[in-house]
């Protein structure tokens, strides 16, 4: 099963060199153990653009969808046998990046 592992951050700074090194080691472990699907860091909330095309024409708004202190800073998509494995990996990812993590399963097709 695949899981979205979201990295939640509450400051404007990026990962420190030590945090980035720990993230790299964690990424290598995910790949070596067959859990890696995809991962990426995201731009700051101020770089976001929201598009709402539910009406007559698309409305495009600069900035984040929500104004909040915490935001999605990055993510992993992992493959794990079950939620317990995903949560263990997420705990290790949280330690590596020194951020809070949210885990959500992808819906079965």
C-alpha atoms as a PDB file:
ATOM      1  CA  UNK A   1       0.000   0.000   0.000  1.00  0.00           C
ATOM      2  CA  UNK A   2       1.150   3.530  -0.679  1.00  0.00           C
ATOM      3  CA  UNK A   3       1.157   6.371   1.841  1.00  0.00           C
ATOM      4  CA  UNK A   4       1.614  10.115   1.596  1.00  0.00           C
ATOM      5  CA  UNK A   5       4.050  11.226   4.290  1.00  0.00           C
ATOM      6  CA  UNK A   6       3.711  15.008   4.580  1.00  0.00           C
ATOM      7  CA  UNK A   7       6.358  17.192   6.207  1.00  0.00           C
ATOM      8  CA  UNK A   8       4.769  19.965   8.282  1.00  0.00           C
ATOM      9  CA  UNK A   9       6.850  23.045   9.004  1.00  0.00           C
ATOM     10  CA  UNK A  10       6.178  26.277  10.897  1.00  0.00           C
ATOM     11  CA  UNK A  11       9.147  28.492  10.063  1.00  0.00           C
ATOM     12  CA  UNK A  12      10.507  30.177   6.934  1.00  0.00           C
ATOM     13  CA  UNK A  13      13.927  28.536   7.110  1.00  0.00           C
ATOM     14  CA  UNK A  14      15.011  25.542   5.068  1.00  0.00           C
ATOM     15  CA  UNK A  15      16.694  22.414   6.364  1.00  0.00           C
ATOM     16  CA  UNK A  16      20.045  22.981   8.039  1.00  0.00           C
ATOM     17  CA  UNK A  17      23.068  21.204   6.544  1.00  0.00           C
ATOM     18  CA  UNK A  18      22.823  18.571   9.307  1.00  0.00           C
ATOM     19  CA  UNK A  19      19.105  18.074   8.679  1.00  0.00           C
ATOM     20  CA  UNK A  20      19.682  17.797   4.917  1.00  0.00           C
ATOM     21  CA  UNK A  21      22.392  15.194   5.482  1.00  0.00           C
ATOM     22  CA  UNK A  22      20.027  13.182   7.704  1.00  0.00           C
ATOM     23  CA  UNK A  23      17.260  13.468   5.085  1.00  0.00           C
ATOM     24  CA  UNK A  24      19.658  12.191   2.416  1.00  0.00           C
ATOM     25  CA  UNK A  25      20.543   9.171   4.581  1.00  0.00           C
ATOM     26  CA  UNK A  26      16.840   8.506   5.223  1.00  0.00           C
ATOM     27  CA  UNK A  27      16.065   8.776   1.491  1.00  0.00           C
ATOM     28  CA  UNK A  28      18.851   6.304   0.705  1.00  0.00           C
ATOM     29  CA  UNK A  29      17.434   3.901   3.293  1.00  0.00           C
ATOM     30  CA  UNK A  30      13.924   4.162   1.816  1.00  0.00           C
ATOM     31  CA  UNK A  31      15.351   3.341  -1.606  1.00  0.00           C
ATOM     32  CA  UNK A  32      17.520   0.461  -0.364  1.00  0.00           C
ATOM     33  CA  UNK A  33      14.611  -1.129   1.536  1.00  0.00           C
ATOM     34  CA  UNK A  34      12.146  -0.775  -1.357  1.00  0.00           C
ATOM     35  CA  UNK A  35       9.870   1.801   0.293  1.00  0.00           C
ATOM     36  CA  UNK A  36      10.747   4.736  -1.979  1.00  0.00           C
ATOM     37  CA  UNK A  37       8.197   5.845  -4.579  1.00  0.00           C
ATOM     38  CA  UNK A  38       8.778   9.591  -4.842  1.00  0.00           C
ATOM     39  CA  UNK A  39       9.692  12.588  -2.679  1.00  0.00           C
ATOM     40  CA  UNK A  40      10.133  16.310  -2.967  1.00  0.00           C
ATOM     41  CA  UNK A  41      10.439  19.585  -1.151  1.00  0.00           C
ATOM     42  CA  UNK A  42       8.004  22.407  -1.875  1.00  0.00           C
ATOM     43  CA  UNK A  43       8.399  26.149  -2.262  1.00  0.00           C
ATOM     44  CA  UNK A  44       7.310  28.444   0.549  1.00  0.00           C
ATOM     45  CA  UNK A  45       3.554  29.134   0.849  1.00  0.00           C
ATOM     46  CA  UNK A  46       4.020  32.579  -0.694  1.00  0.00           C
ATOM     47  CA  UNK A  47       5.036  30.931  -3.976  1.00  0.00           C
ATOM     48  CA  UNK A  48       1.680  29.135  -4.287  1.00  0.00           C
ATOM     49  CA  UNK A  49      -1.045  29.896  -6.801  1.00  0.00           C
ATOM     50  CA  UNK A  50      -4.644  28.783  -6.214  1.00  0.00           C
ATOM     51  CA  UNK A  51      -6.925  28.084  -9.190  1.00  0.00           C
ATOM     52  CA  UNK A  52     -10.692  27.734  -8.737  1.00  0.00           C
ATOM     53  CA  UNK A  53     -12.490  26.740 -11.925  1.00  0.00           C
ATOM     54  CA  UNK A  54     -15.831  25.744 -10.383  1.00  0.00           C
ATOM     55  CA  UNK A  55     -17.699  28.738 -11.752  1.00  0.00           C
ATOM     56  CA  UNK A  56     -18.105  30.506 -15.078  1.00  0.00           C
ATOM     57  CA  UNK A  57     -14.366  31.044 -15.479  1.00  0.00           C
ATOM     58  CA  UNK A  58     -11.210  30.156 -13.637  1.00  0.00           C
ATOM     59  CA  UNK A  59     -10.189  32.421 -10.760  1.00  0.00           C
ATOM     60  CA  UNK A  60      -6.445  32.574 -10.177  1.00  0.00           C
ATOM     61  CA  UNK A  61      -5.189  33.842  -6.812  1.00  0.00           C
ATOM     62  CA  UNK A  62      -1.570  34.344  -5.781  1.00  0.00           C
ATOM     63  CA  UNK A  63      -0.557  33.012  -2.416  1.00  0.00           C
ATOM     64  CA  UNK A  64      -1.535  30.022  -0.310  1.00  0.00           C
ATOM     65  CA  UNK A  65      -5.008  28.497  -0.109  1.00  0.00           C
ATOM     66  CA  UNK A  66      -5.022  28.998   3.663  1.00  0.00           C
ATOM     67  CA  UNK A  67      -3.236  31.501   5.841  1.00  0.00           C
ATOM     68  CA  UNK A  68      -1.768  29.392   8.612  1.00  0.00           C
ATOM     69  CA  UNK A  69       1.373  29.138  10.709  1.00  0.00           C
ATOM     70  CA  UNK A  70       2.031  25.527   9.669  1.00  0.00           C
ATOM     71  CA  UNK A  71       2.364  24.470   6.055  1.00  0.00           C
ATOM     72  CA  UNK A  72       3.296  21.544   3.836  1.00  0.00           C
ATOM     73  CA  UNK A  73       7.050  21.844   3.287  1.00  0.00           C
ATOM     74  CA  UNK A  74       7.615  18.573   1.451  1.00  0.00           C
ATOM     75  CA  UNK A  75       6.533  14.972   1.219  1.00  0.00           C
ATOM     76  CA  UNK A  76       7.434  11.389   0.590  1.00  0.00           C
ATOM     77  CA  UNK A  77       5.276   8.833  -1.160  1.00  0.00           C
ATOM     78  CA  UNK A  78       6.228   5.469   0.272  1.00  0.00           C
ATOM     79  CA  UNK A  79       5.304   1.841  -0.223  1.00  0.00           C
ATOM     80  CA  UNK A  80       4.665  -0.033   3.035  1.00  0.00           C
ATOM     81  CA  UNK A  81       3.097  -3.383   3.892  1.00  0.00           C
ATOM     82  CA  UNK A  82       0.693  -1.771   6.358  1.00  0.00           C
ATOM     83  CA  UNK A  83       0.029   1.313   8.474  1.00  0.00           C
ATOM     84  CA  UNK A  84       2.334   0.147  11.279  1.00  0.00           C
ATOM     85  CA  UNK A  85       5.293   0.001   8.878  1.00  0.00           C
ATOM     86  CA  UNK A  86       4.348   3.387   7.395  1.00  0.00           C
ATOM     87  CA  UNK A  87       4.154   4.961  10.858  1.00  0.00           C
ATOM     88  CA  UNK A  88       7.559   3.563  11.844  1.00  0.00           C
ATOM     89  CA  UNK A  89       9.102   4.937   8.667  1.00  0.00           C
ATOM     90  CA  UNK A  90       7.357   8.286   9.235  1.00  0.00           C
ATOM     91  CA  UNK A  91       8.748   8.481  12.763  1.00  0.00           C
ATOM     92  CA  UNK A  92      12.237   7.943  11.346  1.00  0.00           C
ATOM     93  CA  UNK A  93      11.557  10.591   8.684  1.00  0.00           C
ATOM     94  CA  UNK A  94      10.386  13.045  11.338  1.00  0.00           C
ATOM     95  CA  UNK A  95      13.614  12.562  13.242  1.00  0.00           C
ATOM     96  CA  UNK A  96      15.680  12.938  10.058  1.00  0.00           C
ATOM     97  CA  UNK A  97      14.096  16.210   8.926  1.00  0.00           C
ATOM     98  CA  UNK A  98      13.357  17.535  12.437  1.00  0.00           C
ATOM     99  CA  UNK A  99       9.770  18.343  11.486  1.00  0.00           C
ATOM    100  CA  UNK A 100       6.282  17.059  12.279  1.00  0.00           C
ATOM    101  CA  UNK A 101       4.940  14.425   9.890  1.00  0.00           C
ATOM    102  CA  UNK A 102       1.422  13.496   8.793  1.00  0.00           C
ATOM    103  CA  UNK A 103       0.728  10.050   7.301  1.00  0.00           C
ATOM    104  CA  UNK A 104      -2.246   9.358   5.034  1.00  0.00           C
ATOM    105  CA  UNK A 105      -2.977   6.268   2.959  1.00  0.00           C
ATOM    106  CA  UNK A 106      -3.832   6.537  -0.697  1.00  0.00           C
ATOM    107  CA  UNK A 107      -7.301   5.189  -1.420  1.00  0.00           C
ATOM    108  CA  UNK A 108      -7.397   1.747  -2.978  1.00  0.00           C
ATOM    109  CA  UNK A 109      -8.329   1.726  -6.626  1.00  0.00           C
END
